[in-house]
Protein backbone atom coordinates (compact mmCIF):
# COMPACT_ATOMS: atom_id res chain seq x y z
CA UNK A 1 -7.98 -82.65 -13.95
CA UNK A 2 -8.36 -80.42 -16.73
CA UNK A 3 -9.94 -81.55 -19.97
CA UNK A 4 -7.66 -79.52 -22.46
CA UNK A 5 -9.56 -81.10 -25.61
CA UNK A 6 -12.98 -79.82 -24.21
CA UNK A 7 -11.54 -76.37 -23.27
CA UNK A 8 -10.01 -75.97 -26.53
CA UNK A 9 -13.28 -76.79 -28.60
CA UNK A 10 -15.20 -74.27 -26.41
CA UNK A 11 -12.73 -71.42 -26.38
CA UNK A 12 -12.04 -71.87 -30.25
CA UNK A 13 -15.82 -71.32 -30.70
CA UNK A 14 -15.98 -68.34 -28.29
CA UNK A 15 -12.82 -66.81 -29.99
CA UNK A 16 -14.44 -67.20 -33.38
CA UNK A 17 -17.75 -65.40 -32.15
CA UNK A 18 -15.67 -62.75 -30.44
CA UNK A 19 -17.65 -63.31 -27.38
CA UNK A 20 -17.89 -65.84 -24.38
CA UNK A 21 -20.25 -68.29 -25.50
CA UNK A 22 -21.35 -68.58 -21.60
CA UNK A 23 -21.46 -64.69 -21.13
CA UNK A 24 -21.66 -62.48 -24.33
CA UNK A 25 -20.81 -59.55 -22.07
CA UNK A 26 -17.17 -60.58 -21.95
CA UNK A 27 -14.38 -61.59 -24.63
CA UNK A 28 -12.66 -64.72 -24.68
CA UNK A 29 -10.35 -65.43 -23.15
CA UNK A 30 -11.88 -63.74 -20.29
CA UNK A 31 -10.12 -62.22 -17.24
CA UNK A 32 -10.60 -65.12 -15.08
CA UNK A 33 -8.81 -67.50 -17.49
CA UNK A 34 -5.99 -64.94 -17.79
CA UNK A 35 -5.82 -64.55 -14.10
CA UNK A 36 -6.66 -68.35 -12.87
CA UNK A 37 -6.32 -70.46 -16.13
CA UNK A 38 -9.83 -71.61 -15.59
CA UNK A 39 -12.62 -71.88 -18.28
CA UNK A 40 -16.05 -71.89 -16.86
CA UNK A 41 -17.47 -72.28 -20.16
CA UNK A 42 -15.70 -75.62 -20.34
CA UNK A 43 -17.12 -76.87 -16.96
CA UNK A 44 -14.00 -76.06 -14.81
CA UNK A 45 -14.27 -74.57 -11.31
CA UNK A 46 -12.22 -72.47 -9.17
CA UNK A 47 -10.79 -74.68 -6.36
CA UNK A 48 -10.95 -73.73 -2.58
CA UNK A 49 -14.17 -71.89 -2.27
CA UNK A 50 -14.87 -70.52 1.11
CA UNK A 51 -17.77 -72.48 2.79
CA UNK A 52 -18.36 -69.36 4.90
CA UNK A 53 -19.25 -66.11 3.55
CA UNK A 54 -21.46 -63.12 4.74
CA UNK A 55 -24.23 -63.44 2.47
CA UNK A 56 -25.53 -59.91 2.78
CA UNK A 57 -22.22 -58.53 1.31
CA UNK A 58 -23.27 -60.33 -2.12
CA UNK A 59 -26.34 -58.30 -2.54
CA UNK A 60 -27.51 -54.67 -3.12
CA UNK A 61 -30.63 -54.77 -0.95
CA UNK A 62 -31.18 -57.45 1.80
CA UNK A 63 -34.48 -59.37 2.16
CA UNK A 64 -37.69 -57.88 1.42
CA UNK A 65 -36.11 -54.42 0.59
CA UNK A 66 -35.11 -56.00 -2.82
CA UNK A 67 -38.62 -56.10 -3.89
CA UNK A 68 -39.75 -53.58 -6.68
CA UNK A 69 -41.65 -50.75 -5.07
CA UNK A 70 -45.31 -50.22 -4.79
CA UNK A 71 -45.11 -47.31 -7.49
CA UNK A 72 -43.22 -49.36 -10.27
CA UNK A 73 -45.32 -52.35 -9.31
CA UNK A 74 -48.55 -50.44 -9.48
CA UNK A 75 -47.63 -49.10 -13.12
CA UNK A 76 -46.59 -52.59 -14.25
CA UNK A 77 -50.05 -54.24 -13.14
CA UNK A 78 -52.25 -51.36 -14.59
CA UNK A 79 -51.46 -52.60 -18.04
CA UNK A 80 -52.40 -56.24 -17.32
CA UNK A 81 -56.07 -57.42 -17.90
CA UNK A 82 -58.23 -57.96 -14.97
CA UNK A 83 -59.18 -61.59 -13.84
CA UNK A 84 -62.89 -62.49 -14.47
CA UNK A 85 -62.85 -66.08 -13.84
CA UNK A 86 -65.65 -66.76 -11.39
CA UNK A 87 -63.71 -69.41 -9.53
CA UNK A 88 -60.89 -66.90 -8.55
CA UNK A 89 -62.08 -65.46 -5.29
CA UNK A 90 -59.11 -63.34 -4.75
CA UNK A 91 -56.63 -62.04 -7.55
CA UNK A 92 -53.94 -59.41 -7.91
CA UNK A 93 -56.89 -56.85 -8.66
CA UNK A 94 -56.92 -56.28 -4.89
CA UNK A 95 -53.07 -56.31 -4.14
CA UNK A 96 -54.18 -58.98 -1.53
CA UNK A 97 -51.43 -61.31 0.16
CA UNK A 98 -52.33 -64.42 -2.04
CA UNK A 99 -54.32 -65.66 -4.68
CA UNK A 100 -57.53 -67.87 -3.85
CA UNK A 101 -59.11 -70.24 -6.26
CA UNK A 102 -62.43 -72.45 -5.77
CA UNK A 103 -62.13 -76.04 -6.65
CA UNK A 104 -65.87 -76.51 -5.30
CA UNK A 105 -67.99 -75.42 -2.40
CA UNK A 106 -65.69 -77.25 0.17
CA UNK A 107 -62.35 -77.02 -1.40
CA UNK A 108 -60.78 -73.55 -1.80
CA UNK A 109 -56.86 -73.05 -2.78
CA UNK A 110 -54.56 -70.33 -1.66
CA UNK A 111 -51.55 -69.74 -3.38
CA UNK A 112 -48.53 -67.29 -3.18
CA UNK A 113 -44.90 -67.06 -4.10
CA UNK A 114 -41.95 -64.93 -2.63
CA UNK A 115 -38.55 -64.65 -3.25
CA UNK A 116 -35.93 -62.45 -2.02
CA UNK A 117 -32.15 -61.76 -1.29
CA UNK A 118 -30.30 -62.83 1.94
CA UNK A 119 -31.13 -60.71 4.99
CA UNK A 120 -29.09 -62.34 7.31
CA UNK A 121 -25.17 -63.98 6.60
CA UNK A 122 -25.75 -67.50 7.67
CA UNK A 123 -27.09 -69.77 4.66
CA UNK A 124 -29.24 -72.03 6.79
CA UNK A 125 -30.94 -68.97 8.97
CA UNK A 126 -31.57 -67.31 5.65
CA UNK A 127 -33.39 -70.49 4.03
CA UNK A 128 -35.56 -70.65 7.54
CA UNK A 129 -36.50 -66.72 7.17
CA UNK A 130 -37.24 -67.16 3.40
CA UNK A 131 -39.39 -70.31 4.12
CA UNK A 132 -41.30 -68.39 7.12
CA UNK A 133 -41.83 -65.47 4.73
CA UNK A 134 -43.08 -67.40 1.97
CA UNK A 135 -45.77 -69.33 4.25
CA UNK A 136 -46.84 -65.83 5.73
CA UNK A 137 -49.00 -64.87 2.65
CA UNK A 138 -50.98 -67.87 3.35
CA UNK A 139 -51.33 -67.40 7.05
CA UNK A 140 -52.41 -63.92 6.24
CA UNK A 141 -55.22 -65.07 4.51
CA UNK A 142 -56.36 -67.54 7.36
CA UNK A 143 -55.23 -70.55 5.47
CA UNK A 144 -53.00 -73.52 5.79
CA UNK A 145 -50.01 -74.30 3.82
CA UNK A 146 -49.67 -77.56 2.60
CA UNK A 147 -46.97 -77.94 -0.31
CA UNK A 148 -44.17 -75.88 -1.50
CA UNK A 149 -41.89 -75.51 -4.39
CA UNK A 150 -38.38 -74.14 -3.90
CA UNK A 151 -37.01 -71.38 -6.11
CA UNK A 152 -33.45 -70.11 -5.93
CA UNK A 153 -30.86 -68.24 -7.83
CA UNK A 154 -27.14 -68.95 -7.03
CA UNK A 155 -23.86 -67.98 -8.22
CA UNK A 156 -22.80 -71.65 -8.41
CA UNK A 157 -19.74 -70.80 -10.52
CA UNK A 158 -18.05 -68.54 -7.81
CA UNK A 159 -19.59 -69.77 -4.50
CA UNK A 160 -19.56 -73.22 -2.82
CA UNK A 161 -22.34 -75.72 -3.56
CA UNK A 162 -22.33 -76.46 0.20
CA UNK A 163 -23.78 -72.78 0.82
CA UNK A 164 -26.86 -73.39 -1.59
CA UNK A 165 -27.32 -76.87 -0.04
CA UNK A 166 -27.53 -75.24 3.53
CA UNK A 167 -29.97 -72.55 2.19
CA UNK A 168 -32.24 -75.25 1.00
CA UNK A 169 -31.79 -77.29 4.03
CA UNK A 170 -32.93 -74.38 6.37
CA UNK A 171 -35.82 -73.74 3.89
CA UNK A 172 -37.00 -77.41 4.21
CA UNK A 173 -36.72 -77.65 7.80
CA UNK A 174 -38.71 -74.31 8.33
CA UNK A 175 -41.38 -75.75 5.97
CA UNK A 176 -41.30 -79.19 7.87
CA UNK A 177 -41.96 -77.10 11.01
CA UNK A 178 -45.00 -75.58 9.39
CA UNK A 179 -46.25 -78.92 8.36
CA UNK A 180 -45.39 -78.09 4.65
CA UNK A 181 -44.13 -80.55 2.16
CA UNK A 182 -41.37 -79.43 -0.26
CA UNK A 183 -42.15 -81.23 -3.55
CA UNK A 184 -39.73 -79.97 -5.92
CA UNK A 185 -38.27 -76.77 -7.14
CA UNK A 186 -36.37 -74.71 -9.79
CA UNK A 187 -32.79 -73.39 -9.72
CA UNK A 188 -31.21 -70.87 -11.95
CA UNK A 189 -27.50 -69.42 -12.30
CA UNK A 190 -27.50 -65.71 -10.95
CA UNK A 191 -24.96 -63.23 -9.87
CA UNK A 192 -26.95 -62.49 -6.75
CA UNK A 193 -28.46 -65.05 -4.48
CA UNK A 194 -32.31 -65.22 -4.37
CA UNK A 195 -34.44 -67.97 -2.57
CA UNK A 196 -37.92 -68.53 -1.57
CA UNK A 197 -40.99 -70.68 -2.25
CA UNK A 198 -44.24 -71.12 -4.33
CA UNK A 199 -46.53 -72.11 -1.70
CA UNK A 200 -50.07 -73.64 -2.12
CA UNK A 201 -52.47 -74.06 0.81
CA UNK A 202 -56.07 -74.52 1.60
CA UNK A 203 -58.95 -72.19 3.20
CA UNK A 204 -62.31 -72.40 4.51
CA UNK A 205 -64.33 -70.21 2.20
CA UNK A 206 -66.44 -69.06 5.10
CA UNK A 207 -63.34 -68.09 7.11
CA UNK A 208 -61.41 -66.40 4.20
CA UNK A 209 -59.52 -63.54 5.65
CA UNK A 210 -58.73 -60.55 2.97
CA UNK A 211 -57.68 -56.99 3.15
CA UNK A 212 -61.06 -55.26 2.23
CA UNK A 213 -63.35 -55.64 5.14
CA UNK A 214 -61.87 -53.34 7.77
CA UNK A 215 -64.62 -51.34 9.61
CA UNK A 216 -64.98 -48.31 11.70
CA UNK A 217 -64.65 -49.42 15.28
CA UNK A 218 -61.87 -52.21 14.62
CA UNK A 219 -58.89 -51.86 16.39
CA UNK A 220 -55.33 -52.78 14.62
CA UNK A 221 -52.93 -55.53 16.31
CA UNK A 222 -49.52 -55.93 15.24
CA UNK A 223 -47.82 -59.32 16.26
CA UNK A 224 -43.89 -58.41 15.70
CA UNK A 225 -41.92 -55.56 16.13
CA UNK A 226 -40.69 -53.45 13.40
CA UNK A 227 -37.22 -52.47 12.08
CA UNK A 228 -35.61 -55.49 10.54
CA UNK A 229 -34.92 -53.65 7.50
CA UNK A 230 -33.01 -50.98 9.44
CA UNK A 231 -30.96 -53.44 11.30
CA UNK A 232 -30.35 -55.46 8.06
CA UNK A 233 -28.93 -52.25 6.43
CA UNK A 234 -26.83 -51.68 9.40
CA UNK A 235 -25.37 -55.12 9.06
CA UNK A 236 -24.52 -54.51 5.45
CA UNK A 237 -22.55 -51.52 6.70
CA UNK A 238 -20.96 -53.32 9.68
CA UNK A 239 -22.58 -51.40 12.21
CA UNK A 240 -25.39 -53.65 13.80
CA UNK A 241 -24.72 -55.26 16.99
CA UNK A 242 -24.67 -59.14 17.51
CA UNK A 243 -27.60 -58.71 19.90
CA UNK A 244 -29.61 -56.74 17.37
CA UNK A 245 -29.02 -59.26 14.60
CA UNK A 246 -29.97 -62.17 16.76
CA UNK A 247 -33.41 -60.38 17.68
CA UNK A 248 -34.27 -59.84 14.22
CA UNK A 249 -33.30 -63.27 13.15
CA UNK A 250 -35.27 -64.88 15.58
CA UNK A 251 -38.28 -63.01 14.72
CA UNK A 252 -38.02 -63.38 11.16
CA UNK A 253 -37.66 -67.19 11.44
CA UNK A 254 -40.79 -67.18 13.81
CA UNK A 255 -43.81 -68.35 11.76
CA UNK A 256 -46.93 -66.85 11.62
CA UNK A 257 -48.78 -69.77 12.14
CA UNK A 258 -50.22 -69.39 16.00
CA UNK A 259 -51.43 -65.58 15.17
CA UNK A 260 -53.22 -66.91 11.89
CA UNK A 261 -54.88 -69.69 13.76
CA UNK A 262 -56.03 -67.36 16.76
CA UNK A 263 -57.26 -64.87 14.41
CA UNK A 264 -59.48 -67.46 12.46
CA UNK A 265 -60.65 -68.88 15.56
CA UNK A 266 -61.76 -65.23 16.66
CA UNK A 267 -63.51 -64.80 13.12
CA UNK A 268 -61.33 -62.02 12.08
CA UNK A 269 -62.19 -61.19 8.45
CA UNK A 270 -59.67 -58.44 7.65
CA UNK A 271 -55.64 -58.74 7.90
CA UNK A 272 -52.27 -58.76 5.98
CA UNK A 273 -48.47 -59.42 6.77
CA UNK A 274 -46.11 -56.86 6.99
CA UNK A 275 -43.34 -57.45 4.76
CA UNK A 276 -41.42 -55.38 2.10
CA UNK A 277 -43.76 -52.23 1.63
CA UNK A 278 -43.36 -51.28 5.25
CA UNK A 279 -46.33 -50.98 7.98
CA UNK A 280 -47.65 -47.98 6.37
CA UNK A 281 -47.42 -49.36 2.81
CA UNK A 282 -49.47 -52.52 3.75
CA UNK A 283 -51.80 -50.59 5.56
CA UNK A 284 -52.49 -48.46 2.80
CA UNK A 285 -53.70 -51.30 1.08
CA UNK A 286 -56.22 -52.10 3.87
CA UNK A 287 -57.50 -48.53 4.05
CA UNK A 288 -57.77 -48.35 0.37
CA UNK A 289 -59.50 -51.56 -0.42
CA UNK A 290 -61.85 -51.09 2.82
CA UNK A 291 -62.51 -47.68 2.20
CA UNK A 292 -61.63 -46.51 5.58
CA UNK A 293 -59.53 -43.95 7.71
CA UNK A 294 -57.00 -45.67 10.17
CA UNK A 295 -55.17 -44.05 12.93
CA UNK A 296 -51.79 -45.39 13.85
CA UNK A 297 -50.43 -44.83 17.36
CA UNK A 298 -46.74 -44.19 16.90
CA UNK A 299 -46.09 -44.56 20.61
CA UNK A 300 -47.65 -48.10 20.68
CA UNK A 301 -45.74 -49.49 17.99
CA UNK A 302 -43.21 -52.23 19.19
CA UNK A 303 -39.63 -51.67 17.69
CA UNK A 304 -36.53 -53.58 17.97
CA UNK A 305 -33.79 -52.36 20.02
CA UNK A 306 -30.99 -50.08 18.57
CA UNK A 307 -33.25 -49.38 15.49
CA UNK A 308 -33.97 -45.73 16.39
CA UNK A 309 -30.26 -45.29 17.16
CA UNK A 310 -29.41 -46.61 13.79
CA UNK A 311 -31.80 -44.09 12.23
CA UNK A 312 -30.30 -41.27 14.40
CA UNK A 313 -26.74 -42.17 12.82
CA UNK A 314 -28.32 -42.06 9.22
CA UNK A 315 -28.54 -45.93 8.39
CA UNK A 316 -31.67 -45.26 6.38
CA UNK A 317 -31.70 -47.60 3.30
CA UNK A 318 -33.23 -46.49 -0.12
CA UNK A 319 -36.27 -48.82 0.45
CA UNK A 320 -37.63 -46.71 3.05
CA UNK A 321 -37.78 -43.70 0.65
CA UNK A 322 -39.32 -45.91 -2.09
CA UNK A 323 -41.99 -47.11 0.48
CA UNK A 324 -42.58 -43.56 1.55
CA UNK A 325 -42.79 -42.19 -2.29
CA UNK A 326 -45.94 -44.46 -2.83
CA UNK A 327 -47.73 -44.64 0.78
CA UNK A 328 -47.27 -41.22 1.91
CA UNK A 329 -50.19 -40.17 -0.40
CA UNK A 330 -52.49 -42.07 1.98
CA UNK A 331 -50.55 -40.66 5.21
CA UNK A 332 -51.04 -37.51 7.33
CA UNK A 333 -48.64 -37.42 10.34
CA UNK A 334 -48.97 -35.24 13.37
CA UNK A 335 -46.17 -32.61 14.16
CA UNK A 336 -45.13 -34.10 17.25
CA UNK A 337 -44.13 -37.57 15.76
CA UNK A 338 -40.32 -37.65 15.28
CA UNK A 339 -38.61 -38.31 11.85
CA UNK A 340 -37.11 -41.50 13.21
CA UNK A 341 -40.43 -43.03 13.92
CA UNK A 342 -41.83 -41.89 10.39
CA UNK A 343 -38.90 -43.68 8.94
CA UNK A 344 -39.39 -46.89 11.09
CA UNK A 345 -43.30 -46.90 9.73
CA UNK A 346 -42.10 -47.31 6.34
CA UNK A 347 -38.97 -49.50 6.82
CA UNK A 348 -39.25 -52.67 4.75
CA UNK A 349 -39.93 -55.91 7.04
CA UNK A 350 -38.75 -59.15 6.15
CA UNK A 351 -40.73 -61.98 7.45
CA UNK A 352 -42.87 -59.45 9.57
CA UNK A 353 -45.79 -59.92 11.75
CA UNK A 354 -49.65 -60.19 10.95
CA UNK A 355 -51.54 -56.61 10.78
CA UNK A 356 -55.08 -57.57 12.09
CA UNK A 357 -58.07 -55.68 12.11
CA UNK A 358 -60.40 -56.78 14.85
CA UNK A 359 -63.51 -55.48 16.81
CA UNK A 360 -62.68 -53.26 19.47
CA UNK A 361 -64.45 -55.43 22.21
CA UNK A 362 -62.23 -58.13 21.20
CA UNK A 363 -58.97 -56.64 20.57
CA UNK A 364 -57.51 -57.25 24.41
CA UNK A 365 -58.81 -60.81 23.97
CA UNK A 366 -56.72 -61.37 20.86
CA UNK A 367 -53.76 -59.74 22.40
CA UNK A 368 -54.20 -61.95 25.72
CA UNK A 369 -54.28 -64.93 23.67
CA UNK A 370 -51.36 -64.20 21.49
CA UNK A 371 -49.29 -63.30 24.36
CA UNK A 372 -50.17 -66.74 26.37
CA UNK A 373 -49.35 -68.68 23.06
CA UNK A 374 -45.76 -66.88 23.20
CA UNK A 375 -46.31 -63.93 20.49
CA UNK A 376 -44.89 -61.58 23.12
CA UNK A 377 -44.36 -58.52 20.99
CA UNK A 378 -48.17 -58.32 19.81
CA UNK A 379 -49.62 -54.84 20.67
CA UNK A 380 -52.75 -52.89 19.66
CA UNK A 381 -51.12 -49.90 17.53
CA UNK A 382 -54.36 -48.34 16.46
CA UNK A 383 -57.75 -48.12 15.32
CA UNK A 384 -60.41 -47.74 12.16
CA UNK A 385 -62.25 -44.64 12.57
CA UNK A 386 -64.34 -43.81 9.81
CA UNK A 387 -65.41 -44.50 6.33
CA UNK A 388 -63.30 -42.71 3.77
CA UNK A 389 -61.61 -43.19 0.27
CA UNK A 390 -58.53 -44.45 2.28
CA UNK A 391 -56.47 -42.56 4.71
CA UNK A 392 -53.96 -43.04 7.66
CA UNK A 393 -53.42 -40.53 10.44
CA UNK A 394 -50.04 -41.26 12.35
CA UNK A 395 -50.22 -39.64 15.74
CA UNK A 396 -49.88 -40.25 19.41
CA UNK A 397 -52.58 -42.15 21.26
CA UNK A 398 -54.68 -39.40 22.77
CA UNK A 399 -56.05 -41.82 25.74
CA UNK A 400 -52.40 -42.09 26.99
CA UNK A 401 -51.92 -39.80 29.85
CA UNK A 402 -48.30 -40.72 30.47
CA UNK A 403 -45.36 -42.01 28.27
CA UNK A 404 -46.38 -45.84 29.36
CA UNK A 405 -49.02 -48.18 27.96
CA UNK A 406 -52.48 -48.13 29.41
CA UNK A 407 -53.23 -51.08 31.58
CA UNK A 408 -55.80 -53.35 29.67
CA UNK A 409 -59.03 -53.40 31.29
CA UNK A 410 -59.94 -56.83 32.70
CA UNK A 411 -62.75 -58.40 30.76
CA UNK A 412 -66.08 -58.03 33.06
CA UNK A 413 -64.15 -55.70 35.39
CA UNK A 414 -65.45 -51.86 35.42
CA UNK A 415 -62.88 -49.24 35.28
CA UNK A 416 -62.58 -46.86 37.96
CA UNK A 417 -64.48 -43.88 37.42
CA UNK A 418 -64.97 -44.81 33.56
CA UNK A 419 -61.16 -43.79 33.23
CA UNK A 420 -58.12 -46.47 32.27
CA UNK A 421 -55.48 -47.01 34.98
CA UNK A 422 -52.38 -45.25 33.92
CA UNK A 423 -49.19 -47.23 34.13
CA UNK A 424 -47.57 -44.45 36.31
CA UNK A 425 -50.08 -42.21 37.99
CA UNK A 426 -48.78 -40.61 41.26
CA UNK A 427 -52.38 -40.41 42.70
CA UNK A 428 -52.99 -44.08 41.88
CA UNK A 429 -49.97 -45.25 43.98
CA UNK A 430 -48.41 -42.53 45.94
CA UNK A 431 -46.51 -44.77 48.33
CA UNK A 432 -43.84 -45.15 45.67
CA UNK A 433 -44.20 -42.20 43.40
CA UNK A 434 -43.67 -38.22 44.11
CA UNK A 435 -46.39 -37.00 46.19
CA UNK A 436 -48.67 -34.19 44.55
CA UNK A 437 -49.46 -30.87 46.38
CA UNK A 438 -52.85 -30.18 48.01
CA UNK A 439 -55.08 -32.06 45.70
CA UNK A 440 -58.18 -30.20 46.94
CA UNK A 441 -57.20 -27.60 44.53
CA UNK A 442 -58.15 -29.18 41.19
CA UNK A 443 -56.15 -26.33 39.11
CA UNK A 444 -52.97 -26.98 41.14
CA UNK A 445 -53.35 -30.54 40.85
CA UNK A 446 -53.87 -30.61 37.09
CA UNK A 447 -50.66 -28.41 36.81
CA UNK A 448 -48.99 -31.08 38.75
CA UNK A 449 -50.18 -34.01 36.68
CA UNK A 450 -49.25 -32.11 33.41
CA UNK A 451 -45.38 -31.35 35.00
CA UNK A 452 -45.27 -34.93 36.33
CA UNK A 453 -46.28 -36.50 32.94
CA UNK A 454 -44.14 -34.05 30.86
CA UNK A 455 -41.09 -35.06 33.14
CA UNK A 456 -42.01 -38.91 32.74
CA UNK A 457 -41.99 -38.01 29.19
CA UNK A 458 -38.35 -36.84 29.16
CA UNK A 459 -37.09 -39.54 31.38
CA UNK A 460 -38.39 -42.37 29.46
CA UNK A 461 -37.70 -40.81 25.91
CA UNK A 462 -35.23 -42.90 23.87
CA UNK A 463 -31.91 -41.46 24.59
CA UNK A 464 -28.19 -42.37 25.30
CA UNK A 465 -30.07 -45.36 26.92
CA UNK A 466 -32.24 -47.20 24.77
CA UNK A 467 -36.17 -47.54 25.82
CA UNK A 468 -35.74 -51.15 25.95
CA UNK A 469 -33.14 -50.70 28.75
CA UNK A 470 -35.03 -48.03 30.53
CA UNK A 471 -37.99 -50.44 30.66
CA UNK A 472 -35.56 -53.16 32.29
CA UNK A 473 -34.38 -50.47 34.85
CA UNK A 474 -37.81 -49.47 35.57
CA UNK A 475 -38.80 -53.24 36.29
CA UNK A 476 -36.09 -53.70 38.87
CA UNK A 477 -36.72 -50.21 40.59
CA UNK A 478 -40.50 -51.00 40.78
CA UNK A 479 -39.68 -54.18 42.34
CA UNK A 480 -37.36 -52.47 44.84
CA UNK A 481 -40.01 -49.92 45.65
CA UNK A 482 -42.48 -52.66 46.07
CA UNK A 483 -45.26 -50.88 43.96
CA UNK A 484 -47.37 -53.80 42.51
CA UNK A 485 -49.08 -51.42 39.82
CA UNK A 486 -45.71 -50.25 38.73
CA UNK A 487 -44.10 -53.84 38.49
CA UNK A 488 -47.02 -55.04 36.42
CA UNK A 489 -47.28 -52.03 34.14
CA UNK A 490 -43.40 -51.84 33.29
CA UNK A 491 -43.49 -55.55 32.66
CA UNK A 492 -46.32 -55.33 30.15
CA UNK A 493 -44.61 -52.47 28.29
CA UNK A 494 -41.61 -54.54 28.26
CA UNK A 495 -43.51 -57.41 26.55
CA UNK A 496 -44.71 -54.97 24.13
CA UNK A 497 -41.29 -53.64 23.22
CA UNK A 498 -40.55 -57.21 22.52
CA UNK A 499 -38.29 -57.83 25.70
CA UNK A 500 -38.12 -61.46 26.39
CA UNK A 501 -39.13 -63.17 29.75
CA UNK A 502 -35.71 -64.24 30.30
CA UNK A 503 -34.48 -60.52 30.12
CA UNK A 504 -37.48 -59.53 32.41
CA UNK A 505 -36.56 -62.42 34.85
CA UNK A 506 -32.92 -61.22 35.09
CA UNK A 507 -33.99 -57.45 35.72
CA UNK A 508 -36.23 -58.85 38.68
CA UNK A 509 -33.38 -60.88 40.03
CA UNK A 510 -30.91 -58.11 40.12
CA UNK A 511 -33.51 -56.09 42.22
CA UNK A 512 -33.89 -59.42 44.62
CA UNK A 513 -30.10 -59.29 44.97
CA UNK A 514 -30.07 -55.82 46.09
CA UNK A 515 -33.41 -55.74 48.24
CA UNK A 516 -32.76 -59.13 49.74
CA UNK A 517 -35.54 -61.42 51.40
CA UNK A 518 -38.28 -58.88 51.82
CA UNK A 519 -38.07 -58.05 48.17
CA UNK A 520 -38.13 -61.54 47.18
CA UNK A 521 -41.31 -62.33 49.58
CA UNK A 522 -43.11 -59.38 48.07
CA UNK A 523 -42.41 -60.63 44.59
CA UNK A 524 -43.55 -64.29 45.52
CA UNK A 525 -46.87 -62.70 46.85
CA UNK A 526 -47.51 -61.04 43.47
CA UNK A 527 -46.79 -64.37 41.77
CA UNK A 528 -49.34 -65.99 43.93
CA UNK A 529 -52.12 -63.42 43.43
CA UNK A 530 -52.04 -63.78 39.41
């Protein structure tokens, strides 16, 4: 029921001023009133709001791509006074993930706030992702999140209140999963949807993790695959597959709690989370603050399926270019690294993984613990090589003799002749691989190995068939060939690419269905020997 007296009173004031009293940018009567006979200033609302909308269609940049870029942010922060309070252990001065404040010798607070635009279309899923992203900064510092305040901007006059309700509910449920109590919040009317949390946690001062203690000899571990920004941008264009969207949604909603707890138990001192500034942007803060040079092995970085295909088709958001504009001053890229891979390394991540610097002899232990805990995408992607003023070298792993990942050395077990076992070496298991010529002639053998490696590199390169699908094919073929080293290697590589155990099992059963009982017996014997 329209309150005509209220409408008349409000509109008379607006007409007298020559501007709408709720939105001075427009005159009164406004277009909405002329077309729909609705005066928002008088508290009237359009009827029949759709309760299901594609949230990403209402924003310019999705997720953490909506952040102000590092270049502009540095200019803004440069004009602010430095914090000198002795109780402040970590502030914005070091561009770390969260602020740290000492209450007393035993009690230290860690605080952060994170707000961004929708990165998925479903309101509940967006709320979950926003919450996971907001607590990630606390986890990156080795802290335990305790309480949170929600912050939401929403066009309440043009979208259903039920959408806002679902966003908040998703966030609260995810915070509950993290053991965090949402004790209040703040809302504003905004043309674009924005949501996030201010989070307060606690941290043991003796186990505080920052971005400035990386040392030569450390290896770099990444706990989630890259490419959420690319797939999110492709979704805005209507060109992302449902499978790709599901994969990034699951990853973005996954808490970084387990990696945080494990790295804290292992005494890690340096880490950050990878979000809007991309892998190289966040790593640039580590090398700058720590005063080191890092190597990133592009052929070891886990990437979501379809990301490279999207980039090849030109789906590169402006946020990638903004990240490149800042971080490239630290970065030197080898000539054999493709443009698509470079774009992924600058891609803004929403609720990305943790980037951890850990002693080399503990790196594989960390990876093993993460994978056993279900963090299947975790991978060693580089190392800290020397002291410097801050530099990043992007290259291929020089220790990698083939296009597959090197099999990790078992703890306490010496490597054969001091060399790591290759994932697919024809000399290591000739029963299923192409045979070499007379290996007594070393020169001829070296040529053959080089040609074989080149051949395998071309075969396994991302092409019409994605790397993800190729590794699943390799798993099935390895089982049919009954090559145990091949099978274990391809399964490890699949996990490093973010392939789920369910997908691996389906590939295995495809091989068993073709190979019959002998193949099943061979696979059972491998499982029994684990």
